[in-house]
């Protein structure tokens, strides 16, 4: 087959298939991100305005069409500003999604090591903050901490948080199944209705889940309570078994199965 034949084959069959596959990938991933953030409200608002404008144009409602033509651009810009954190999260997801990353999901042994360490630290009444990185990278936060790149074990996590050393303050970041860094400081949550009893660890756990899709383990220094934060919500007072079940499902991409598992204390 000559070059013209190959070019014709590519244009006739390969290009349309690639076009459809790429578009389907973008639509699916964008939808997956939207349903996990408040940005879905932005999409609903834009679709509502578009629908009203189309109806007014079809029915030739000149006054409504004229007003929407003037107001709509400003409203879209305003909504984009209001939902800026959610839009930022969307583009971070798309830029650092599964297609562009090589890290593997944490294995059961790594989840067990983290959960066991948290149980030990809870009995000792030592606070801890352990962050599991998922799709959205945390390179900027890791770079500002103390890099370790160590094999994740229960003993190492207990050593990091159970003693007054330079690594005790801040969070430990788990990435690609390894303890990437410790003494990392996380952004605090801007939520206004956080319980007064929650300290800086819980606010930091919520803060990083508002800016990324990370899953965060928290051990309260005051009460020894175990908590889990993800999707901008804090699930407080979990048992060790609940912690393991939720971590396995979240880090392996499985959906929550029961309403009881979804019960949480929103900060």
C-alpha atoms as a PDB file:
ATOM      1  CA  UNK A   1       0.000   0.000   0.000  1.00  0.00           C
ATOM      2  CA  UNK A   2       1.451   3.363  -1.048  1.00  0.00           C
ATOM      3  CA  UNK A   3       1.575   6.544   1.046  1.00  0.00           C
ATOM      4  CA  UNK A   4      -1.623   7.881  -0.510  1.00  0.00           C
ATOM      5  CA  UNK A   5      -3.425   4.700   0.472  1.00  0.00           C
ATOM      6  CA  UNK A   6      -2.136   4.943   4.050  1.00  0.00           C
ATOM      7  CA  UNK A   7      -3.167   8.580   4.241  1.00  0.00           C
ATOM      8  CA  UNK A   8      -6.602   7.713   2.929  1.00  0.00           C
ATOM      9  CA  UNK A   9      -6.943   4.853   5.447  1.00  0.00           C
ATOM     10  CA  UNK A  10      -5.919   7.157   8.290  1.00  0.00           C
ATOM     11  CA  UNK A  11      -8.351   9.886   7.240  1.00  0.00           C
ATOM     12  CA  UNK A  12     -11.244   7.483   6.666  1.00  0.00           C
ATOM     13  CA  UNK A  13     -10.966   5.133   9.642  1.00  0.00           C
ATOM     14  CA  UNK A  14      -8.211   5.936  12.160  1.00  0.00           C
ATOM     15  CA  UNK A  15      -8.770   9.689  12.559  1.00  0.00           C
ATOM     16  CA  UNK A  16     -12.542   9.481  13.284  1.00  0.00           C
ATOM     17  CA  UNK A  17     -11.963   6.701  15.839  1.00  0.00           C
ATOM     18  CA  UNK A  18      -9.221   8.696  17.593  1.00  0.00           C
ATOM     19  CA  UNK A  19     -11.435  11.771  17.507  1.00  0.00           C
ATOM     20  CA  UNK A  20     -14.348   9.955  19.176  1.00  0.00           C
ATOM     21  CA  UNK A  21     -12.140   8.169  21.754  1.00  0.00           C
ATOM     22  CA  UNK A  22     -10.369  11.360  22.817  1.00  0.00           C
ATOM     23  CA  UNK A  23     -13.642  13.270  23.091  1.00  0.00           C
ATOM     24  CA  UNK A  24     -15.219  10.436  25.094  1.00  0.00           C
ATOM     25  CA  UNK A  25     -12.214  10.380  27.439  1.00  0.00           C
ATOM     26  CA  UNK A  26     -12.420  14.125  28.054  1.00  0.00           C
ATOM     27  CA  UNK A  27     -16.186  14.087  28.604  1.00  0.00           C
ATOM     28  CA  UNK A  28     -16.040  11.097  30.980  1.00  0.00           C
ATOM     29  CA  UNK A  29     -13.188  12.463  33.099  1.00  0.00           C
ATOM     30  CA  UNK A  30     -14.695  15.938  33.243  1.00  0.00           C
ATOM     31  CA  UNK A  31     -18.004  14.464  34.395  1.00  0.00           C
ATOM     32  CA  UNK A  32     -16.265  12.315  37.024  1.00  0.00           C
ATOM     33  CA  UNK A  33     -14.577  15.430  38.427  1.00  0.00           C
ATOM     34  CA  UNK A  34     -17.662  17.635  38.265  1.00  0.00           C
ATOM     35  CA  UNK A  35     -19.875  15.273  40.250  1.00  0.00           C
ATOM     36  CA  UNK A  36     -17.335  15.302  43.090  1.00  0.00           C
ATOM     37  CA  UNK A  37     -17.195  19.087  43.423  1.00  0.00           C
ATOM     38  CA  UNK A  38     -19.540  22.018  43.747  1.00  0.00           C
ATOM     39  CA  UNK A  39     -18.596  23.004  40.200  1.00  0.00           C
ATOM     40  CA  UNK A  40     -21.571  20.961  39.022  1.00  0.00           C
ATOM     41  CA  UNK A  41     -23.694  23.888  40.213  1.00  0.00           C
ATOM     42  CA  UNK A  42     -21.770  26.138  37.835  1.00  0.00           C
ATOM     43  CA  UNK A  43     -22.583  23.816  34.936  1.00  0.00           C
ATOM     44  CA  UNK A  44     -26.247  23.730  35.924  1.00  0.00           C
ATOM     45  CA  UNK A  45     -26.380  27.532  35.999  1.00  0.00           C
ATOM     46  CA  UNK A  46     -24.776  27.846  32.580  1.00  0.00           C
ATOM     47  CA  UNK A  47     -27.109  25.212  31.102  1.00  0.00           C
ATOM     48  CA  UNK A  48     -30.133  26.998  32.590  1.00  0.00           C
ATOM     49  CA  UNK A  49     -29.086  30.320  31.072  1.00  0.00           C
ATOM     50  CA  UNK A  50     -28.421  28.642  27.735  1.00  0.00           C
ATOM     51  CA  UNK A  51     -31.836  26.966  27.797  1.00  0.00           C
ATOM     52  CA  UNK A  52     -33.663  30.223  28.608  1.00  0.00           C
ATOM     53  CA  UNK A  53     -31.750  32.065  25.912  1.00  0.00           C
ATOM     54  CA  UNK A  54     -32.541  29.361  23.318  1.00  0.00           C
ATOM     55  CA  UNK A  55     -36.221  29.406  24.256  1.00  0.00           C
ATOM     56  CA  UNK A  56     -36.373  33.194  24.066  1.00  0.00           C
ATOM     57  CA  UNK A  57     -34.590  33.167  20.699  1.00  0.00           C
ATOM     58  CA  UNK A  58     -36.923  30.472  19.322  1.00  0.00           C
ATOM     59  CA  UNK A  59     -40.039  32.346  20.494  1.00  0.00           C
ATOM     60  CA  UNK A  60     -38.542  35.662  19.331  1.00  0.00           C
ATOM     61  CA  UNK A  61     -38.836  37.274  22.772  1.00  0.00           C
ATOM     62  CA  UNK A  62     -36.742  40.273  21.870  1.00  0.00           C
ATOM     63  CA  UNK A  63     -36.647  41.883  25.332  1.00  0.00           C
ATOM     64  CA  UNK A  64     -35.537  38.704  27.123  1.00  0.00           C
ATOM     65  CA  UNK A  65     -33.017  37.948  24.387  1.00  0.00           C
ATOM     66  CA  UNK A  66     -31.573  41.463  24.593  1.00  0.00           C
ATOM     67  CA  UNK A  67     -31.292  41.409  28.396  1.00  0.00           C
ATOM     68  CA  UNK A  68     -29.713  37.948  28.476  1.00  0.00           C
ATOM     69  CA  UNK A  69     -27.312  38.937  25.726  1.00  0.00           C
ATOM     70  CA  UNK A  70     -26.055  41.741  27.962  1.00  0.00           C
ATOM     71  CA  UNK A  71     -26.200  40.006  31.351  1.00  0.00           C
ATOM     72  CA  UNK A  72     -25.160  36.429  30.514  1.00  0.00           C
ATOM     73  CA  UNK A  73     -21.418  37.065  29.910  1.00  0.00           C
ATOM     74  CA  UNK A  74     -21.142  38.871  33.231  1.00  0.00           C
ATOM     75  CA  UNK A  75     -22.996  36.096  35.052  1.00  0.00           C
ATOM     76  CA  UNK A  76     -20.747  33.419  33.550  1.00  0.00           C
ATOM     77  CA  UNK A  77     -17.646  35.350  34.639  1.00  0.00           C
ATOM     78  CA  UNK A  78     -19.143  35.883  38.080  1.00  0.00           C
ATOM     79  CA  UNK A  79     -19.926  32.177  38.487  1.00  0.00           C
ATOM     80  CA  UNK A  80     -16.407  31.298  37.348  1.00  0.00           C
ATOM     81  CA  UNK A  81     -14.972  33.585  40.045  1.00  0.00           C
ATOM     82  CA  UNK A  82     -17.262  32.176  42.747  1.00  0.00           C
ATOM     83  CA  UNK A  83     -16.403  28.575  41.852  1.00  0.00           C
ATOM     84  CA  UNK A  84     -12.716  29.277  41.179  1.00  0.00           C
ATOM     85  CA  UNK A  85     -11.470  26.607  43.669  1.00  0.00           C
ATOM     86  CA  UNK A  86     -13.613  23.924  42.025  1.00  0.00           C
ATOM     87  CA  UNK A  87     -12.509  24.944  38.523  1.00  0.00           C
ATOM     88  CA  UNK A  88      -8.895  24.893  39.670  1.00  0.00           C
ATOM     89  CA  UNK A  89      -9.401  21.376  40.982  1.00  0.00           C
ATOM     90  CA  UNK A  90     -10.866  20.297  37.633  1.00  0.00           C
ATOM     91  CA  UNK A  91      -7.861  21.481  35.629  1.00  0.00           C
ATOM     92  CA  UNK A  92      -5.459  19.959  38.171  1.00  0.00           C
ATOM     93  CA  UNK A  93      -7.287  16.634  37.766  1.00  0.00           C
ATOM     94  CA  UNK A  94      -7.116  16.807  33.980  1.00  0.00           C
ATOM     95  CA  UNK A  95      -3.448  17.748  34.024  1.00  0.00           C
ATOM     96  CA  UNK A  96      -2.434  15.098  36.520  1.00  0.00           C
ATOM     97  CA  UNK A  97      -5.018  12.395  35.836  1.00  0.00           C
ATOM     98  CA  UNK A  98      -4.577   8.680  35.486  1.00  0.00           C
ATOM     99  CA  UNK A  99      -3.473   8.882  31.856  1.00  0.00           C
ATOM    100  CA  UNK A 100      -0.473  11.072  32.769  1.00  0.00           C
ATOM    101  CA  UNK A 101       0.728   9.372  35.933  1.00  0.00           C
ATOM    102  CA  UNK A 102       2.602   6.151  36.614  1.00  0.00           C
ATOM    103  CA  UNK A 103       2.060   5.706  40.337  1.00  0.00           C
ATOM    104  CA  UNK A 104       0.254   2.613  41.499  1.00  0.00           C
ATOM    105  CA  UNK A 105      -2.566   2.431  43.999  1.00  0.00           C
ATOM    106  CA  UNK A 106      -1.542   1.818  47.616  1.00  0.00           C
ATOM    107  CA  UNK A 107      -1.571  -1.862  48.466  1.00  0.00           C
ATOM    108  CA  UNK A 108      -3.375  -3.493  51.363  1.00  0.00           C
ATOM    109  CA  UNK A 109      -0.133  -3.706  53.346  1.00  0.00           C
ATOM    110  CA  UNK A 110       0.365   0.041  53.089  1.00  0.00           C
ATOM    111  CA  UNK A 111      -3.198   0.727  54.236  1.00  0.00           C
ATOM    112  CA  UNK A 112      -2.730  -1.723  57.099  1.00  0.00           C
ATOM    113  CA  UNK A 113       0.551  -0.087  58.103  1.00  0.00           C
ATOM    114  CA  UNK A 114      -1.074   3.351  58.233  1.00  0.00           C
ATOM    115  CA  UNK A 115      -4.197   2.196  60.090  1.00  0.00           C
ATOM    116  CA  UNK A 116      -2.184   0.231  62.635  1.00  0.00           C
ATOM    117  CA  UNK A 117       0.128   3.185  63.238  1.00  0.00           C
ATOM    118  CA  UNK A 118      -2.895   5.432  63.806  1.00  0.00           C
ATOM    119  CA  UNK A 119      -4.343   2.979  66.337  1.00  0.00           C
ATOM    120  CA  UNK A 120      -1.031   2.900  68.228  1.00  0.00           C
ATOM    121  CA  UNK A 121      -0.726   6.682  68.166  1.00  0.00           C
ATOM    122  CA  UNK A 122      -4.343   7.049  69.329  1.00  0.00           C
ATOM    123  CA  UNK A 123      -3.614   4.876  72.387  1.00  0.00           C
ATOM    124  CA  UNK A 124      -0.558   7.027  73.105  1.00  0.00           C
ATOM    125  CA  UNK A 125      -2.607  10.233  72.615  1.00  0.00           C
ATOM    126  CA  UNK A 126      -0.136  11.449  70.006  1.00  0.00           C
ATOM    127  CA  UNK A 127      -1.516  13.522  67.168  1.00  0.00           C
ATOM    128  CA  UNK A 128      -0.901  12.515  63.559  1.00  0.00           C
ATOM    129  CA  UNK A 129      -1.734  13.710  60.067  1.00  0.00           C
ATOM    130  CA  UNK A 130      -1.203  11.250  57.204  1.00  0.00           C
ATOM    131  CA  UNK A 131      -2.067  12.231  53.631  1.00  0.00           C
ATOM    132  CA  UNK A 132      -2.642   9.746  50.800  1.00  0.00           C
ATOM    133  CA  UNK A 133      -2.051  11.413  47.429  1.00  0.00           C
ATOM    134  CA  UNK A 134      -4.365  10.217  44.663  1.00  0.00           C
ATOM    135  CA  UNK A 135      -4.846  11.774  41.194  1.00  0.00           C
ATOM    136  CA  UNK A 136      -3.899  15.350  42.058  1.00  0.00           C
ATOM    137  CA  UNK A 137      -0.173  15.668  42.734  1.00  0.00           C
ATOM    138  CA  UNK A 138       1.133  17.258  45.938  1.00  0.00           C
ATOM    139  CA  UNK A 139       4.633  18.086  44.715  1.00  0.00           C
ATOM    140  CA  UNK A 140       4.562  21.681  45.952  1.00  0.00           C
ATOM    141  CA  UNK A 141       3.653  20.569  49.482  1.00  0.00           C
ATOM    142  CA  UNK A 142       6.187  17.712  49.451  1.00  0.00           C
ATOM    143  CA  UNK A 143       8.969  20.047  48.309  1.00  0.00           C
ATOM    144  CA  UNK A 144       8.366  22.305  51.326  1.00  0.00           C
ATOM    145  CA  UNK A 145       8.578  19.398  53.779  1.00  0.00           C
ATOM    146  CA  UNK A 146      11.391  17.008  54.610  1.00  0.00           C
ATOM    147  CA  UNK A 147      11.796  14.446  51.852  1.00  0.00           C
ATOM    148  CA  UNK A 148      12.112  10.809  52.939  1.00  0.00           C
ATOM    149  CA  UNK A 149      11.104   8.582  49.994  1.00  0.00           C
ATOM    150  CA  UNK A 150      11.034   5.642  52.406  1.00  0.00           C
ATOM    151  CA  UNK A 151       9.266   2.282  52.500  1.00  0.00           C
ATOM    152  CA  UNK A 152       5.989   2.750  54.356  1.00  0.00           C
ATOM    153  CA  UNK A 153       5.869   0.803  57.622  1.00  0.00           C
ATOM    154  CA  UNK A 154       3.982   1.051  60.900  1.00  0.00           C
ATOM    155  CA  UNK A 155       7.213   1.512  62.841  1.00  0.00           C
ATOM    156  CA  UNK A 156       8.320   4.420  60.666  1.00  0.00           C
ATOM    157  CA  UNK A 157       5.009   6.265  61.016  1.00  0.00           C
ATOM    158  CA  UNK A 158       4.970   5.734  64.787  1.00  0.00           C
ATOM    159  CA  UNK A 159       8.553   6.985  64.977  1.00  0.00           C
ATOM    160  CA  UNK A 160       7.669  10.098  62.998  1.00  0.00           C
ATOM    161  CA  UNK A 161       4.696  11.098  65.147  1.00  0.00           C
ATOM    162  CA  UNK A 162       5.319   9.486  68.547  1.00  0.00           C
ATOM    163  CA  UNK A 163       8.410  11.470  69.462  1.00  0.00           C
ATOM    164  CA  UNK A 164       9.156  15.165  69.700  1.00  0.00           C
ATOM    165  CA  UNK A 165      11.421  15.464  66.691  1.00  0.00           C
ATOM    166  CA  UNK A 166      11.531  17.847  63.707  1.00  0.00           C
ATOM    167  CA  UNK A 167       9.300  15.459  61.730  1.00  0.00           C
ATOM    168  CA  UNK A 168       6.492  15.458  64.314  1.00  0.00           C
ATOM    169  CA  UNK A 169       4.975  18.787  63.283  1.00  0.00           C
ATOM    170  CA  UNK A 170       3.023  18.829  60.057  1.00  0.00           C
ATOM    171  CA  UNK A 171       1.797  16.003  57.848  1.00  0.00           C
ATOM    172  CA  UNK A 172       3.310  12.862  56.372  1.00  0.00           C
ATOM    173  CA  UNK A 173       2.624  12.456  52.645  1.00  0.00           C
ATOM    174  CA  UNK A 174       2.191   9.007  51.117  1.00  0.00           C
ATOM    175  CA  UNK A 175       2.670   8.977  47.360  1.00  0.00           C
ATOM    176  CA  UNK A 176       3.188   6.082  44.976  1.00  0.00           C
ATOM    177  CA  UNK A 177       2.996   3.695  47.913  1.00  0.00           C
ATOM    178  CA  UNK A 178       5.965   5.264  49.735  1.00  0.00           C
ATOM    179  CA  UNK A 179       6.390   7.784  52.529  1.00  0.00           C
ATOM    180  CA  UNK A 180       7.401  10.680  50.307  1.00  0.00           C
ATOM    181  CA  UNK A 181       7.897  13.372  52.954  1.00  0.00           C
ATOM    182  CA  UNK A 182       7.132  14.430  56.507  1.00  0.00           C
ATOM    183  CA  UNK A 183       6.826  17.740  58.346  1.00  0.00           C
ATOM    184  CA  UNK A 184       4.693  19.059  55.478  1.00  0.00           C
ATOM    185  CA  UNK A 185       2.374  21.957  56.231  1.00  0.00           C
ATOM    186  CA  UNK A 186      -1.072  21.886  54.663  1.00  0.00           C
ATOM    187  CA  UNK A 187      -3.435  24.748  53.798  1.00  0.00           C
ATOM    188  CA  UNK A 188      -6.106  25.337  56.446  1.00  0.00           C
ATOM    189  CA  UNK A 189      -9.767  25.068  55.546  1.00  0.00           C
ATOM    190  CA  UNK A 190     -11.780  28.210  54.856  1.00  0.00           C
ATOM    191  CA  UNK A 191     -15.058  26.604  55.897  1.00  0.00           C
ATOM    192  CA  UNK A 192     -16.895  28.790  58.391  1.00  0.00           C
ATOM    193  CA  UNK A 193     -18.966  26.137  60.161  1.00  0.00           C
ATOM    194  CA  UNK A 194     -16.132  23.923  61.413  1.00  0.00           C
ATOM    195  CA  UNK A 195     -16.741  22.647  64.943  1.00  0.00           C
ATOM    196  CA  UNK A 196     -14.970  24.669  67.614  1.00  0.00           C
ATOM    197  CA  UNK A 197     -13.559  21.465  69.094  1.00  0.00           C
ATOM    198  CA  UNK A 198     -11.603  20.698  65.928  1.00  0.00           C
ATOM    199  CA  UNK A 199      -7.988  21.829  66.075  1.00  0.00           C
ATOM    200  CA  UNK A 200      -5.442  22.758  63.441  1.00  0.00           C
ATOM    201  CA  UNK A 201      -4.905  19.136  62.344  1.00  0.00           C
ATOM    202  CA  UNK A 202      -8.560  18.672  61.399  1.00  0.00           C
ATOM    203  CA  UNK A 203      -8.633  22.084  59.676  1.00  0.00           C
ATOM    204  CA  UNK A 204      -5.496  21.195  57.731  1.00  0.00           C
ATOM    205  CA  UNK A 205      -6.985  17.825  56.750  1.00  0.00           C
ATOM    206  CA  UNK A 206     -10.071  19.572  55.396  1.00  0.00           C
ATOM    207  CA  UNK A 207      -7.946  22.242  53.715  1.00  0.00           C
ATOM    208  CA  UNK A 208      -5.954  19.824  51.566  1.00  0.00           C
ATOM    209  CA  UNK A 209      -9.114  17.903  50.589  1.00  0.00           C
ATOM    210  CA  UNK A 210     -10.644  21.173  49.399  1.00  0.00           C
ATOM    211  CA  UNK A 211      -7.723  21.738  47.024  1.00  0.00           C
ATOM    212  CA  UNK A 212      -7.077  18.165  45.924  1.00  0.00           C
ATOM    213  CA  UNK A 213      -8.565  14.672  45.931  1.00  0.00           C
ATOM    214  CA  UNK A 214      -6.271  13.496  48.730  1.00  0.00           C
ATOM    215  CA  UNK A 215      -7.472  11.216  51.534  1.00  0.00           C
ATOM    216  CA  UNK A 216      -6.266  12.229  54.999  1.00  0.00           C
ATOM    217  CA  UNK A 217      -5.968  10.239  58.234  1.00  0.00           C
ATOM    218  CA  UNK A 218      -6.148  12.289  61.428  1.00  0.00           C
ATOM    219  CA  UNK A 219      -5.378  11.236  64.994  1.00  0.00           C
ATOM    220  CA  UNK A 220      -6.559  13.699  67.630  1.00  0.00           C
ATOM    221  CA  UNK A 221      -3.920  14.478  70.243  1.00  0.00           C
ATOM    222  CA  UNK A 222      -6.578  15.502  72.784  1.00  0.00           C
ATOM    223  CA  UNK A 223      -9.009  12.586  72.501  1.00  0.00           C
ATOM    224  CA  UNK A 224      -7.199   9.948  70.437  1.00  0.00           C
ATOM    225  CA  UNK A 225     -10.169   9.891  68.033  1.00  0.00           C
ATOM    226  CA  UNK A 226      -9.543   8.617  64.504  1.00  0.00           C
ATOM    227  CA  UNK A 227     -10.878  10.664  61.583  1.00  0.00           C
ATOM    228  CA  UNK A 228     -10.832  10.510  57.816  1.00  0.00           C
ATOM    229  CA  UNK A 229     -11.121  13.518  55.500  1.00  0.00           C
ATOM    230  CA  UNK A 230     -11.876  13.481  51.768  1.00  0.00           C
ATOM    231  CA  UNK A 231     -14.004  15.416  49.275  1.00  0.00           C
ATOM    232  CA  UNK A 232     -14.028  18.451  51.619  1.00  0.00           C
ATOM    233  CA  UNK A 233     -15.749  16.469  54.395  1.00  0.00           C
ATOM    234  CA  UNK A 234     -14.517  15.151  57.716  1.00  0.00           C
ATOM    235  CA  UNK A 235     -15.617  11.759  59.057  1.00  0.00           C
ATOM    236  CA  UNK A 236     -14.934  11.839  62.800  1.00  0.00           C
ATOM    237  CA  UNK A 237     -14.695   9.139  65.439  1.00  0.00           C
ATOM    238  CA  UNK A 238     -14.148   6.079  63.239  1.00  0.00           C
ATOM    239  CA  UNK A 239     -13.074   2.692  64.518  1.00  0.00           C
ATOM    240  CA  UNK A 240      -9.937   1.012  63.237  1.00  0.00           C
ATOM    241  CA  UNK A 241     -11.994  -1.387  61.125  1.00  0.00           C
ATOM    242  CA  UNK A 242     -14.074   1.446  59.608  1.00  0.00           C
ATOM    243  CA  UNK A 243     -10.839   3.232  58.806  1.00  0.00           C
ATOM    244  CA  UNK A 244      -9.449   0.222  56.949  1.00  0.00           C
ATOM    245  CA  UNK A 245     -12.654  -0.409  54.991  1.00  0.00           C
ATOM    246  CA  UNK A 246     -13.001   3.194  53.861  1.00  0.00           C
ATOM    247  CA  UNK A 247      -9.341   3.528  52.964  1.00  0.00           C
ATOM    248  CA  UNK A 248      -9.444   0.380  50.862  1.00  0.00           C
ATOM    249  CA  UNK A 249     -12.502   1.595  48.966  1.00  0.00           C
ATOM    250  CA  UNK A 250     -11.269   5.157  48.494  1.00  0.00           C
ATOM    251  CA  UNK A 251      -7.745   4.259  47.417  1.00  0.00           C
ATOM    252  CA  UNK A 252      -8.888   1.461  45.137  1.00  0.00           C
ATOM    253  CA  UNK A 253     -11.569   3.625  43.514  1.00  0.00           C
ATOM    254  CA  UNK A 254     -14.597   1.727  44.820  1.00  0.00           C
ATOM    255  CA  UNK A 255     -17.842   3.436  45.756  1.00  0.00           C
ATOM    256  CA  UNK A 256     -19.262   3.524  49.267  1.00  0.00           C
ATOM    257  CA  UNK A 257     -21.860   0.790  49.638  1.00  0.00           C
ATOM    258  CA  UNK A 258     -23.968   1.613  52.662  1.00  0.00           C
ATOM    259  CA  UNK A 259     -25.666   4.692  54.030  1.00  0.00           C
ATOM    260  CA  UNK A 260     -24.092   3.998  57.402  1.00  0.00           C
ATOM    261  CA  UNK A 261     -20.620   4.362  55.911  1.00  0.00           C
ATOM    262  CA  UNK A 262     -21.559   7.740  54.516  1.00  0.00           C
ATOM    263  CA  UNK A 263     -22.574   9.132  57.917  1.00  0.00           C
ATOM    264  CA  UNK A 264     -20.224  11.990  58.720  1.00  0.00           C
ATOM    265  CA  UNK A 265     -19.744  15.116  60.724  1.00  0.00           C
ATOM    266  CA  UNK A 266     -19.375  17.926  58.225  1.00  0.00           C
ATOM    267  CA  UNK A 267     -16.877  20.525  59.291  1.00  0.00           C
END
